[in-house]
PDB file of N, CA and C in Angstrom:
ATOM      1  N   MET A   1      17.337   5.403  32.081  1.00  0.00           N
ATOM      2  CA  MET A   1      16.943   6.311  31.587  1.00  0.00           C
ATOM      3  C   MET A   1      16.495   7.805  33.036  1.00  0.00           C
ATOM      4  N   SER A   2      16.223   8.770  32.413  1.00  0.00           N
ATOM      5  CA  SER A   2      15.936   9.316  33.343  1.00  0.00           C
ATOM      6  C   SER A   2      14.669   9.727  33.224  1.00  0.00           C
ATOM      7  N   GLU A   3      13.527  10.029  34.875  1.00  0.00           N
ATOM      8  CA  GLU A   3      12.734  10.608  34.329  1.00  0.00           C
ATOM      9  C   GLU A   3      12.168  11.889  33.580  1.00  0.00           C
ATOM     10  N   GLY A   4      12.765  12.692  33.590  1.00  0.00           N
ATOM     11  CA  GLY A   4      13.015  13.886  32.779  1.00  0.00           C
ATOM     12  C   GLY A   4      12.915  13.014  30.985  1.00  0.00           C
ATOM     13  N   ASP A   5      13.574  12.239  30.670  1.00  0.00           N
ATOM     14  CA  ASP A   5      13.386  11.265  29.103  1.00  0.00           C
ATOM     15  C   ASP A   5      12.698  11.087  29.275  1.00  0.00           C
ATOM     16  N   VAL A   6      11.362  10.159  29.942  1.00  0.00           N
ATOM     17  CA  VAL A   6      10.438   9.691  30.170  1.00  0.00           C
ATOM     18  C   VAL A   6       9.375  10.839  29.804  1.00  0.00           C
ATOM     19  N   ARG A   7       9.379  11.695  29.988  1.00  0.00           N
ATOM     20  CA  ARG A   7       8.006  13.392  30.290  1.00  0.00           C
ATOM     21  C   ARG A   7       8.762  13.441  28.829  1.00  0.00           C
ATOM     22  N   GLN A   8       9.812  14.053  28.877  1.00  0.00           N
ATOM     23  CA  GLN A   8       9.603  14.426  27.158  1.00  0.00           C
ATOM     24  C   GLN A   8       9.803  13.278  25.776  1.00  0.00           C
ATOM     25  N   GLY A   9       9.623  12.319  26.137  1.00  0.00           N
ATOM     26  CA  GLY A   9       8.943  11.475  25.130  1.00  0.00           C
ATOM     27  C   GLY A   9      10.871  10.276  24.825  1.00  0.00           C
ATOM     28  N   ASN A  10      11.383  10.684  25.340  1.00  0.00           N
ATOM     29  CA  ASN A  10      12.894  10.188  25.012  1.00  0.00           C
ATOM     30  C   ASN A  10      12.835   9.237  25.895  1.00  0.00           C
ATOM     31  N   THR A  11      12.761   7.949  24.936  1.00  0.00           N
ATOM     32  CA  THR A  11      12.120   6.315  25.812  1.00  0.00           C
ATOM     33  C   THR A  11      13.725   5.655  25.192  1.00  0.00           C
ATOM     34  N   ASN A  12      14.471   6.105  23.897  1.00  0.00           N
ATOM     35  CA  ASN A  12      15.546   5.592  22.788  1.00  0.00           C
ATOM     36  C   ASN A  12      16.244   4.774  24.054  1.00  0.00           C
ATOM     37  N   ARG A  13      15.915   3.338  24.076  1.00  0.00           N
ATOM     38  CA  ARG A  13      16.843   2.413  25.067  1.00  0.00           C
ATOM     39  C   ARG A  13      17.927   1.731  24.039  1.00  0.00           C
ATOM     40  N   GLY A  14      17.880   2.295  22.385  1.00  0.00           N
ATOM     41  CA  GLY A  14      19.431   1.347  21.746  1.00  0.00           C
ATOM     42  C   GLY A  14      18.615   0.704  21.179  1.00  0.00           C
ATOM     43  N   ASP A  15      17.430   0.100  21.101  1.00  0.00           N
ATOM     44  CA  ASP A  15      17.288  -1.600  20.832  1.00  0.00           C
ATOM     45  C   ASP A  15      15.999  -1.208  19.876  1.00  0.00           C
ATOM     46  N   ASP A  16      16.293   0.417  18.714  1.00  0.00           N
ATOM     47  CA  ASP A  16      14.403   0.537  18.088  1.00  0.00           C
ATOM     48  C   ASP A  16      15.589   0.265  16.680  1.00  0.00           C
ATOM     49  N   GLY A  17      16.183  -0.540  16.750  1.00  0.00           N
ATOM     50  CA  GLY A  17      16.567  -1.064  14.641  1.00  0.00           C
ATOM     51  C   GLY A  17      15.926  -1.403  14.365  1.00  0.00           C
ATOM     52  N   ILE A  18      14.461  -2.804  14.279  1.00  0.00           N
ATOM     53  CA  ILE A  18      14.254  -3.256  14.148  1.00  0.00           C
ATOM     54  C   ILE A  18      12.582  -2.664  14.218  1.00  0.00           C
ATOM     55  N   TRP A  19      12.587  -1.364  14.635  1.00  0.00           N
ATOM     56  CA  TRP A  19      10.919  -0.705  14.698  1.00  0.00           C
ATOM     57  C   TRP A  19      11.820   0.250  13.817  1.00  0.00           C
ATOM     58  N   ASN A  20      12.529   0.249  13.464  1.00  0.00           N
ATOM     59  CA  ASN A  20      13.120   1.318  12.645  1.00  0.00           C
ATOM     60  C   ASN A  20      12.742   0.701  10.970  1.00  0.00           C
ATOM     61  N   ILE A  21      12.822  -0.455  10.841  1.00  0.00           N
ATOM     62  CA  ILE A  21      12.595  -1.015   9.850  1.00  0.00           C
ATOM     63  C   ILE A  21      10.894  -1.939   9.823  1.00  0.00           C
ATOM     64  N   ILE A  22       9.507  -2.124  10.549  1.00  0.00           N
ATOM     65  CA  ILE A  22       8.593  -2.145  10.072  1.00  0.00           C
ATOM     66  C   ILE A  22       7.630  -1.090   9.773  1.00  0.00           C
ATOM     67  N   GLY A  23       8.471   0.868  10.435  1.00  0.00           N
ATOM     68  CA  GLY A  23       7.909   1.465  10.765  1.00  0.00           C
ATOM     69  C   GLY A  23       8.737   2.103   8.607  1.00  0.00           C
ATOM     70  N   SER A  24       8.803   1.733   8.811  1.00  0.00           N
ATOM     71  CA  SER A  24       9.816   2.065   6.762  1.00  0.00           C
ATOM     72  C   SER A  24       8.066   1.539   6.205  1.00  0.00           C
ATOM     73  N   ALA A  25       8.670   3.687   5.252  1.00  0.00           N
ATOM     74  CA  ALA A  25       7.545   3.181   4.264  1.00  0.00           C
ATOM     75  C   ALA A  25       7.141   2.261   3.287  1.00  0.00           C
ATOM     76  N   TYR A  26       8.706   2.345   3.310  1.00  0.00           N
ATOM     77  CA  TYR A  26       8.939   1.257   2.136  1.00  0.00           C
ATOM     78  C   TYR A  26       7.802  -0.272   2.061  1.00  0.00           C
ATOM     79  N   LEU A  27       8.865  -0.411   3.684  1.00  0.00           N
ATOM     80  CA  LEU A  27       8.178  -2.127   3.822  1.00  0.00           C
ATOM     81  C   LEU A  27       6.503  -1.658   4.034  1.00  0.00           C
ATOM     82  N   TRP A  28       5.842  -1.015   3.914  1.00  0.00           N
ATOM     83  CA  TRP A  28       4.349  -0.939   4.213  1.00  0.00           C
ATOM     84  C   TRP A  28       4.164  -0.562   2.664  1.00  0.00           C
ATOM     85  N   LYS A  29       4.142   0.257   1.824  1.00  0.00           N
ATOM     86  CA  LYS A  29       3.788   0.211   0.560  1.00  0.00           C
ATOM     87  C   LYS A  29       4.015  -1.519  -0.043  1.00  0.00           C
ATOM     88  N   ALA A  30       5.318  -2.342  -0.211  1.00  0.00           N
ATOM     89  CA  ALA A  30       5.608  -4.261  -0.473  1.00  0.00           C
ATOM     90  C   ALA A  30       4.272  -4.891   0.256  1.00  0.00           C
ATOM     91  N   VAL A  31       4.226  -4.074   1.543  1.00  0.00           N
ATOM     92  CA  VAL A  31       3.074  -5.059   2.007  1.00  0.00           C
ATOM     93  C   VAL A  31       1.167  -5.011   1.008  1.00  0.00           C
ATOM     94  N   VAL A  32       1.357  -3.188   1.350  1.00  0.00           N
ATOM     95  CA  VAL A  32       0.189  -3.218   0.460  1.00  0.00           C
ATOM     96  C   VAL A  32       0.010  -4.000  -1.123  1.00  0.00           C
ATOM     97  N   TRP A  33       1.274  -3.523  -1.772  1.00  0.00           N
ATOM     98  CA  TRP A  33       1.472  -4.250  -2.953  1.00  0.00           C
ATOM     99  C   TRP A  33       1.051  -5.500  -2.974  1.00  0.00           C
ATOM    100  N   LEU A  34       2.007  -6.150  -2.078  1.00  0.00           N
ATOM    101  CA  LEU A  34       1.659  -7.866  -2.429  1.00  0.00           C
ATOM    102  C   LEU A  34      -0.027  -8.144  -1.850  1.00  0.00           C
ATOM    103  N   CYS A  35      -0.139  -7.181  -0.950  1.00  0.00           N
ATOM    104  CA  CYS A  35      -1.674  -7.629  -0.692  1.00  0.00           C
ATOM    105  C   CYS A  35      -2.908  -7.365  -1.952  1.00  0.00           C
ATOM    106  N   LEU A  36      -2.553  -6.125  -2.916  1.00  0.00           N
ATOM    107  CA  LEU A  36      -3.140  -6.339  -4.121  1.00  0.00           C
ATOM    108  C   LEU A  36      -3.453  -7.245  -5.103  1.00  0.00           C
ATOM    109  N   TRP A  37      -1.563  -7.278  -5.257  1.00  0.00           N
ATOM    110  CA  TRP A  37      -1.618  -8.222  -5.859  1.00  0.00           C
ATOM    111  C   TRP A  37      -2.282  -9.681  -5.969  1.00  0.00           C
ATOM    112  N   GLY A  38      -2.060  -9.407  -4.409  1.00  0.00           N
ATOM    113  CA  GLY A  38      -2.565 -11.002  -3.971  1.00  0.00           C
ATOM    114  C   GLY A  38      -3.849 -11.322  -4.790  1.00  0.00           C
ATOM    115  N   PHE A  39      -4.720 -10.313  -4.469  1.00  0.00           N
ATOM    116  CA  PHE A  39      -6.151  -9.789  -5.173  1.00  0.00           C
ATOM    117  C   PHE A  39      -6.100  -9.848  -6.177  1.00  0.00           C
ATOM    118  N   PHE A  40      -5.560  -9.062  -7.327  1.00  0.00           N
ATOM    119  CA  PHE A  40      -5.554  -9.326  -8.451  1.00  0.00           C
ATOM    120  C   PHE A  40      -5.248 -10.970  -9.530  1.00  0.00           C
ATOM    121  N   VAL A  41      -4.191 -11.770  -8.704  1.00  0.00           N
ATOM    122  CA  VAL A  41      -3.841 -12.925  -9.390  1.00  0.00           C
ATOM    123  C   VAL A  41      -5.577 -13.586  -8.441  1.00  0.00           C
ATOM    124  N   GLU A  42      -6.455 -13.270  -7.821  1.00  0.00           N
ATOM    125  CA  GLU A  42      -7.265 -14.275  -8.060  1.00  0.00           C
ATOM    126  C   GLU A  42      -8.492 -14.398  -8.380  1.00  0.00           C
ATOM    127  N   ILE A  43      -8.258 -12.999  -8.777  1.00  0.00           N
ATOM    128  CA  ILE A  43      -9.295 -11.955  -9.782  1.00  0.00           C
ATOM    129  C   ILE A  43      -8.379 -12.618 -11.345  1.00  0.00           C
ATOM    130  N   GLU A  44      -7.704 -13.329 -11.696  1.00  0.00           N
ATOM    131  CA  GLU A  44      -6.547 -13.159 -12.374  1.00  0.00           C
ATOM    132  C   GLU A  44      -5.994 -12.357 -13.454  1.00  0.00           C
ATOM    133  N   PHE A  45      -5.994 -11.404 -12.652  1.00  0.00           N
ATOM    134  CA  PHE A  45      -6.054 -10.116 -13.471  1.00  0.00           C
ATOM    135  C   PHE A  45      -3.895  -9.870 -12.746  1.00  0.00           C
ATOM    136  N   GLY A  46      -3.386 -10.814 -12.545  1.00  0.00           N
ATOM    137  CA  GLY A  46      -2.166 -10.858 -11.893  1.00  0.00           C
ATOM    138  C   GLY A  46      -1.398 -10.191 -12.820  1.00  0.00           C
ATOM    139  N   THR A  47      -0.872 -10.473 -13.815  1.00  0.00           N
ATOM    140  CA  THR A  47       0.138  -9.909 -14.720  1.00  0.00           C
ATOM    141  C   THR A  47      -0.382  -8.922 -15.315  1.00  0.00           C
ATOM    142  N   VAL A  48      -0.818  -8.527 -15.187  1.00  0.00           N
ATOM    143  CA  VAL A  48      -1.549  -6.750 -15.570  1.00  0.00           C
ATOM    144  C   VAL A  48      -1.599  -5.941 -14.446  1.00  0.00           C
ATOM    145  N   PHE A  49      -1.750  -6.503 -13.409  1.00  0.00           N
ATOM    146  CA  PHE A  49      -1.469  -5.605 -12.753  1.00  0.00           C
ATOM    147  C   PHE A  49       0.090  -5.361 -12.015  1.00  0.00           C
ATOM    148  N   PHE A  50       1.134  -7.041 -12.449  1.00  0.00           N
ATOM    149  CA  PHE A  50       2.082  -6.754 -12.027  1.00  0.00           C
ATOM    150  C   PHE A  50       2.638  -5.721 -13.199  1.00  0.00           C
ATOM    151  N   ILE A  51       2.661  -5.378 -14.297  1.00  0.00           N
ATOM    152  CA  ILE A  51       2.675  -4.664 -15.919  1.00  0.00           C
ATOM    153  C   ILE A  51       2.768  -3.519 -15.042  1.00  0.00           C
ATOM    154  N   ALA A  52       1.779  -3.727 -14.982  1.00  0.00           N
ATOM    155  CA  ALA A  52       1.100  -1.779 -14.657  1.00  0.00           C
ATOM    156  C   ALA A  52       1.547  -1.164 -13.842  1.00  0.00           C
ATOM    157  N   SER A  53       1.918  -1.955 -12.645  1.00  0.00           N
ATOM    158  CA  SER A  53       2.827  -1.348 -11.280  1.00  0.00           C
ATOM    159  C   SER A  53       4.198  -1.251 -11.809  1.00  0.00           C
ATOM    160  N   ILE A  54       4.913  -2.299 -12.445  1.00  0.00           N
ATOM    161  CA  ILE A  54       6.662  -1.462 -13.008  1.00  0.00           C
ATOM    162  C   ILE A  54       6.391  -0.809 -13.794  1.00  0.00           C
ATOM    163  N   LEU A  55       5.282  -0.206 -14.874  1.00  0.00           N
ATOM    164  CA  LEU A  55       5.406   0.925 -15.465  1.00  0.00           C
ATOM    165  C   LEU A  55       4.739   2.297 -14.774  1.00  0.00           C
ATOM    166  N   LEU A  56       4.441   2.444 -13.387  1.00  0.00           N
ATOM    167  CA  LEU A  56       3.684   3.358 -12.601  1.00  0.00           C
ATOM    168  C   LEU A  56       5.521   3.799 -11.700  1.00  0.00           C
ATOM    169  N   VAL A  57       5.768   2.116 -11.537  1.00  0.00           N
ATOM    170  CA  VAL A  57       7.280   2.958 -10.910  1.00  0.00           C
ATOM    171  C   VAL A  57       8.728   3.209 -11.712  1.00  0.00           C
ATOM    172  N   VAL A  58       8.396   2.675 -13.215  1.00  0.00           N
ATOM    173  CA  VAL A  58       9.083   3.621 -14.244  1.00  0.00           C
ATOM    174  C   VAL A  58       8.857   4.696 -14.101  1.00  0.00           C
ATOM    175  N   TYR A  59       7.480   5.247 -14.452  1.00  0.00           N
ATOM    176  CA  TYR A  59       7.625   6.681 -13.873  1.00  0.00           C
ATOM    177  C   TYR A  59       7.234   7.329 -13.394  1.00  0.00           C
ATOM    178  N   CYS A  60       7.947   6.853 -12.353  1.00  0.00           N
ATOM    179  CA  CYS A  60       7.562   7.698 -10.392  1.00  0.00           C
ATOM    180  C   CYS A  60       9.138   7.968 -10.877  1.00  0.00           C
ATOM    181  N   THR A  61       9.305   7.574 -10.998  1.00  0.00           N
ATOM    182  CA  THR A  61      11.010   7.345 -10.478  1.00  0.00           C
ATOM    183  C   THR A  61      12.296   8.200 -11.606  1.00  0.00           C
ATOM    184  N   LEU A  62      11.255   8.783 -12.506  1.00  0.00           N
ATOM    185  CA  LEU A  62      12.095   9.342 -13.973  1.00  0.00           C
ATOM    186  C   LEU A  62      12.904  10.329 -13.577  1.00  0.00           C
ATOM    187  N   GLY A  63      12.273  10.900 -12.347  1.00  0.00           N
ATOM    188  CA  GLY A  63      13.229  12.071 -12.104  1.00  0.00           C
ATOM    189  C   GLY A  63      12.557  13.470 -13.124  1.00  0.00           C
ATOM    190  N   SER A  64      12.547  14.666 -11.995  1.00  0.00           N
ATOM    191  CA  SER A  64      12.100  15.573 -12.983  1.00  0.00           C
ATOM    192  C   SER A  64      12.739  16.822 -12.255  1.00  0.00           C
ATOM    193  N   GLU A  65      13.911  16.477 -11.524  1.00  0.00           N
ATOM    194  CA  GLU A  65      14.698  17.713 -11.142  1.00  0.00           C
ATOM    195  C   GLU A  65      15.402  18.492 -11.835  1.00  0.00           C
ATOM    196  N   GLU A  66      15.246  19.687 -11.963  1.00  0.00           N
ATOM    197  CA  GLU A  66      16.211  19.862 -13.202  1.00  0.00           C
ATOM    198  C   GLU A  66      17.360  20.949 -12.867  1.00  0.00           C
ATOM    199  N   ARG A  67      18.075  20.403 -13.131  1.00  0.00           N
ATOM    200  CA  ARG A  67      19.368  20.880 -13.771  1.00  0.00           C
ATOM    201  C   ARG A  67      20.432  21.784 -13.094  1.00  0.00           C
ATOM    202  N   LYS A  68      21.352  21.450 -11.993  1.00  0.00           N
ATOM    203  CA  LYS A  68      22.127  22.774 -11.703  1.00  0.00           C
ATOM    204  C   LYS A  68      22.815  23.467 -12.934  1.00  0.00           C
ATOM    205  N   ALA A  69      23.168  25.357 -12.497  1.00  0.00           N
ATOM    206  CA  ALA A  69      23.881  25.817 -13.992  1.00  0.00           C
ATOM    207  C   ALA A  69      24.846  25.308 -14.228  1.00  0.00           C
ATOM    208  N   GLY A  70      25.725  24.834 -15.478  1.00  0.00           N
ATOM    209  CA  GLY A  70      26.867  24.541 -15.549  1.00  0.00           C
ATOM    210  C   GLY A  70      26.765  23.175 -16.049  1.00  0.00           C
ATOM    211  N   GLU A  71      25.901  22.078 -15.477  1.00  0.00           N
ATOM    212  CA  GLU A  71      25.715  21.154 -16.042  1.00  0.00           C
ATOM    213  C   GLU A  71      24.658  20.589 -17.008  1.00  0.00           C
ATOM    214  N   MET A  72      25.660  19.536 -18.085  1.00  0.00           N
ATOM    215  CA  MET A  72      25.357  18.774 -18.617  1.00  0.00           C
ATOM    216  C   MET A  72      24.852  18.139 -19.319  1.00  0.00           C
ATOM    217  N   SER A  73      23.717  17.389 -19.907  1.00  0.00           N
ATOM    218  CA  SER A  73      22.766  16.143 -19.836  1.00  0.00           C
ATOM    219  C   SER A  73      23.498  15.611 -20.504  1.00  0.00           C
ATOM    220  N   ALA A  74      23.041  13.716 -20.887  1.00  0.00           N
ATOM    221  CA  ALA A  74      24.563  12.691 -21.501  1.00  0.00           C
ATOM    222  C   ALA A  74      23.593  12.784 -22.689  1.00  0.00           C
ATOM    223  N   TYR A  75      22.426  13.341 -22.670  1.00  0.00           N
ATOM    224  CA  TYR A  75      21.810  12.939 -24.655  1.00  0.00           C
ATOM    225  C   TYR A  75      22.250  15.161 -25.065  1.00  0.00           C
ATOM    226  N   SER A  76      22.927  15.230 -26.109  1.00  0.00           N
ATOM    227  CA  SER A  76      23.517  16.216 -26.726  1.00  0.00           C
ATOM    228  C   SER A  76      22.309  17.257 -27.000  1.00  0.00           C
ATOM    229  N   VAL A  77      20.881  16.331 -27.317  1.00  0.00           N
ATOM    230  CA  VAL A  77      20.276  17.784 -27.857  1.00  0.00           C
ATOM    231  C   VAL A  77      19.420  18.406 -27.151  1.00  0.00           C
ATOM    232  N   PHE A  78      20.074  17.865 -25.355  1.00  0.00           N
ATOM    233  CA  PHE A  78      19.522  18.805 -24.404  1.00  0.00           C
ATOM    234  C   PHE A  78      20.444  20.457 -23.942  1.00  0.00           C
ATOM    235  N   ASN A  79      21.174  20.149 -25.209  1.00  0.00           N
ATOM    236  CA  ASN A  79      21.871  20.645 -23.825  1.00  0.00           C
ATOM    237  C   ASN A  79      22.389  21.830 -25.507  1.00  0.00           C
ATOM    238  N   GLU A  80      23.142  23.176 -24.530  1.00  0.00           N
ATOM    239  CA  GLU A  80      23.357  23.969 -25.507  1.00  0.00           C
ATOM    240  C   GLU A  80      23.732  24.180 -26.356  1.00  0.00           C
ATOM    241  N   GLY A  81      23.114  24.641 -27.374  1.00  0.00           N
ATOM    242  CA  GLY A  81      24.416  23.939 -28.724  1.00  0.00           C
ATOM    243  C   GLY A  81      24.195  22.862 -29.552  1.00  0.00           C
ATOM    244  N   PHE A  82      23.847  21.886 -29.193  1.00  0.00           N
ATOM    245  CA  PHE A  82      24.025  20.283 -29.568  1.00  0.00           C
ATOM    246  C   PHE A  82      25.665  19.638 -28.577  1.00  0.00           C
ATOM    247  N   LYS A  83      25.498  20.107 -27.230  1.00  0.00           N
ATOM    248  CA  LYS A  83      27.153  19.986 -27.095  1.00  0.00           C
ATOM    249  C   LYS A  83      27.347  18.693 -26.334  1.00  0.00           C
ATOM    250  N   ALA A  84      28.196  17.582 -27.031  1.00  0.00           N
ATOM    251  CA  ALA A  84      28.287  16.395 -26.354  1.00  0.00           C
ATOM    252  C   ALA A  84      28.811  16.292 -25.648  1.00  0.00           C
ATOM    253  N   ILE A  85      29.127  15.424 -24.297  1.00  0.00           N
ATOM    254  CA  ILE A  85      30.040  15.464 -22.859  1.00  0.00           C
ATOM    255  C   ILE A  85      30.966  14.324 -23.330  1.00  0.00           C
ATOM    256  N   ASP A  86      31.767  14.759 -22.511  1.00  0.00           N
ATOM    257  CA  ASP A  86      33.106  14.255 -23.055  1.00  0.00           C
ATOM    258  C   ASP A  86      32.888  12.639 -22.819  1.00  0.00           C
ATOM    259  N   GLY A  87      33.487  11.817 -23.997  1.00  0.00           N
ATOM    260  CA  GLY A  87      33.549  10.490 -23.998  1.00  0.00           C
ATOM    261  C   GLY A  87      31.925   9.592 -24.888  1.00  0.00           C
ATOM    262  N   THR A  88      31.841  10.858 -25.240  1.00  0.00           N
ATOM    263  CA  THR A  88      30.289  10.513 -26.650  1.00  0.00           C
ATOM    264  C   THR A  88      30.821  10.263 -28.002  1.00  0.00           C
ATOM    265  N   LEU A  89      30.673   8.864 -28.205  1.00  0.00           N
ATOM    266  CA  LEU A  89      31.129   8.454 -29.687  1.00  0.00           C
ATOM    267  C   LEU A  89      29.807   8.826 -30.840  1.00  0.00           C
ATOM    268  N   THR A  90      30.336  10.224 -31.576  1.00  0.00           N
ATOM    269  CA  THR A  90      29.906  10.713 -32.252  1.00  0.00           C
ATOM    270  C   THR A  90      30.100   9.511 -33.283  1.00  0.00           C
ATOM    271  N   ALA A  91      28.578  10.131 -34.767  1.00  0.00           N
ATOM    272  CA  ALA A  91      29.069   9.533 -35.839  1.00  0.00           C
ATOM    273  C   ALA A  91      29.889   9.731 -36.602  1.00  0.00           C
ATOM    274  N   GLU A  92      30.988  11.737 -36.340  1.00  0.00           N
ATOM    275  CA  GLU A  92      32.043  11.533 -37.602  1.00  0.00           C
ATOM    276  C   GLU A  92      33.375  10.412 -36.948  1.00  0.00           C
ATOM    277  N   GLN A  93      33.352  10.561 -35.656  1.00  0.00           N
ATOM    278  CA  GLN A  93      34.737   9.591 -35.268  1.00  0.00           C
ATOM    279  C   GLN A  93      33.792   7.413 -35.233  1.00  0.00           C
ATOM    280  N   PHE A  94      32.845   7.510 -34.886  1.00  0.00           N
ATOM    281  CA  PHE A  94      32.503   5.925 -35.594  1.00  0.00           C
ATOM    282  C   PHE A  94      33.514   6.082 -37.110  1.00  0.00           C
ATOM    283  N   ASP A  95      32.296   6.698 -38.060  1.00  0.00           N
ATOM    284  CA  ASP A  95      32.285   7.607 -39.400  1.00  0.00           C
ATOM    285  C   ASP A  95      34.056   6.434 -39.889  1.00  0.00           C
ATOM    286  N   ARG A  96      34.790   7.371 -38.673  1.00  0.00           N
ATOM    287  CA  ARG A  96      36.226   7.599 -39.150  1.00  0.00           C
ATOM    288  C   ARG A  96      36.879   6.092 -38.685  1.00  0.00           C
ATOM    289  N   GLU A  97      35.590   5.480 -37.493  1.00  0.00           N
ATOM    290  CA  GLU A  97      36.743   4.480 -36.861  1.00  0.00           C
ATOM    291  C   GLU A  97      36.968   2.900 -38.658  1.00  0.00           C
ATOM    292  N   ILE A  98      35.217   3.334 -38.581  1.00  0.00           N
ATOM    293  CA  ILE A  98      35.138   2.834 -39.766  1.00  0.00           C
ATOM    294  C   ILE A  98      36.367   2.913 -41.096  1.00  0.00           C
ATOM    295  N   ARG A  99      35.915   3.548 -41.613  1.00  0.00           N
ATOM    296  CA  ARG A  99      37.624   4.334 -42.508  1.00  0.00           C
ATOM    297  C   ARG A  99      38.805   3.863 -42.374  1.00  0.00           C
ATOM    298  N   SER A 100      39.118   3.856 -41.365  1.00  0.00           N
ATOM    299  CA  SER A 100      40.298   4.145 -40.659  1.00  0.00           C
ATOM    300  C   SER A 100      41.408   3.221 -39.896  1.00  0.00           C
ATOM    301  N   GLY A 101      40.349   2.208 -39.121  1.00  0.00           N
ATOM    302  CA  GLY A 101      41.111   1.556 -38.249  1.00  0.00           C
ATOM    303  C   GLY A 101      40.777   2.358 -36.927  1.00  0.00           C
ATOM    304  N   PRO A 102      40.884   1.670 -35.939  1.00  0.00           N
ATOM    305  CA  PRO A 102      40.175   2.051 -34.885  1.00  0.00           C
ATOM    306  C   PRO A 102      41.455   3.043 -34.410  1.00  0.00           C
ATOM    307  N   GLY A 103      43.020   2.941 -34.706  1.00  0.00           N
ATOM    308  CA  GLY A 103      43.908   3.181 -34.144  1.00  0.00           C
ATOM    309  C   GLY A 103      44.820   4.568 -34.458  1.00  0.00           C
ATOM    310  N   ARG A 104      43.771   4.932 -35.972  1.00  0.00           N
ATOM    311  CA  ARG A 104      44.306   5.651 -36.570  1.00  0.00           C
ATOM    312  C   ARG A 104      43.231   6.868 -36.103  1.00  0.00           C
ATOM    313  N   VAL A 105      42.488   6.882 -36.012  1.00  0.00           N
ATOM    314  CA  VAL A 105      41.216   8.151 -35.224  1.00  0.00           C
ATOM    315  C   VAL A 105      42.034   8.448 -34.284  1.00  0.00           C
ATOM    316  N   GLY A 106      41.952  10.104 -34.564  1.00  0.00           N
ATOM    317  CA  GLY A 106      42.597  11.297 -34.211  1.00  0.00           C
ATOM    318  C   GLY A 106      41.601  12.395 -33.409  1.00  0.00           C
ATOM    319  N   THR A 107      41.476  12.922 -33.180  1.00  0.00           N
ATOM    320  CA  THR A 107      40.720  14.295 -32.627  1.00  0.00           C
ATOM    321  C   THR A 107      40.466  14.813 -34.046  1.00  0.00           C
ATOM    322  N   SER A 108      40.980  14.747 -35.074  1.00  0.00           N
ATOM    323  CA  SER A 108      40.844  16.835 -36.075  1.00  0.00           C
ATOM    324  C   SER A 108      40.189  15.699 -37.045  1.00  0.00           C
ATOM    325  N   LYS A 109      39.332  16.314 -37.549  1.00  0.00           N
ATOM    326  CA  LYS A 109      38.576  16.141 -38.483  1.00  0.00           C
ATOM    327  C   LYS A 109      39.979  15.546 -39.467  1.00  0.00           C
ATOM    328  N   SER A 110      40.990  16.018 -39.958  1.00  0.00           N
ATOM    329  CA  SER A 110      41.232  15.507 -41.432  1.00  0.00           C
ATOM    330  C   SER A 110      42.021  14.680 -41.645  1.00  0.00           C
ATOM    331  N   ASP A 111      41.748  14.019 -40.342  1.00  0.00           N
ATOM    332  CA  ASP A 111      41.905  12.329 -40.341  1.00  0.00           C
ATOM    333  C   ASP A 111      41.200  11.945 -41.653  1.00  0.00           C
TER     334      ASP A 111
END
């Protein structure tokens, strides 16, 4: 390592893998959560804290990003013209399968 690297703050020696883990935001969030959970267990609200935490994680990770142009939703009610994606089992297809068996199901409505 040269003197110029030290002056510029480049002190990477290739052994910083553990520091990436220790400095990880996820690790610190987990440590804080465990401490809070321990506190709530002590005051006998551990289960409530655990369930509230799960609900908060689900809410925060639902994803609110917009779909790209032309990208279809897995739920046909959110698509233009209620168009279903390929491979979707429709009520009409299910009805045909029940009435005539899965081997005779075609894509036409006249089956």
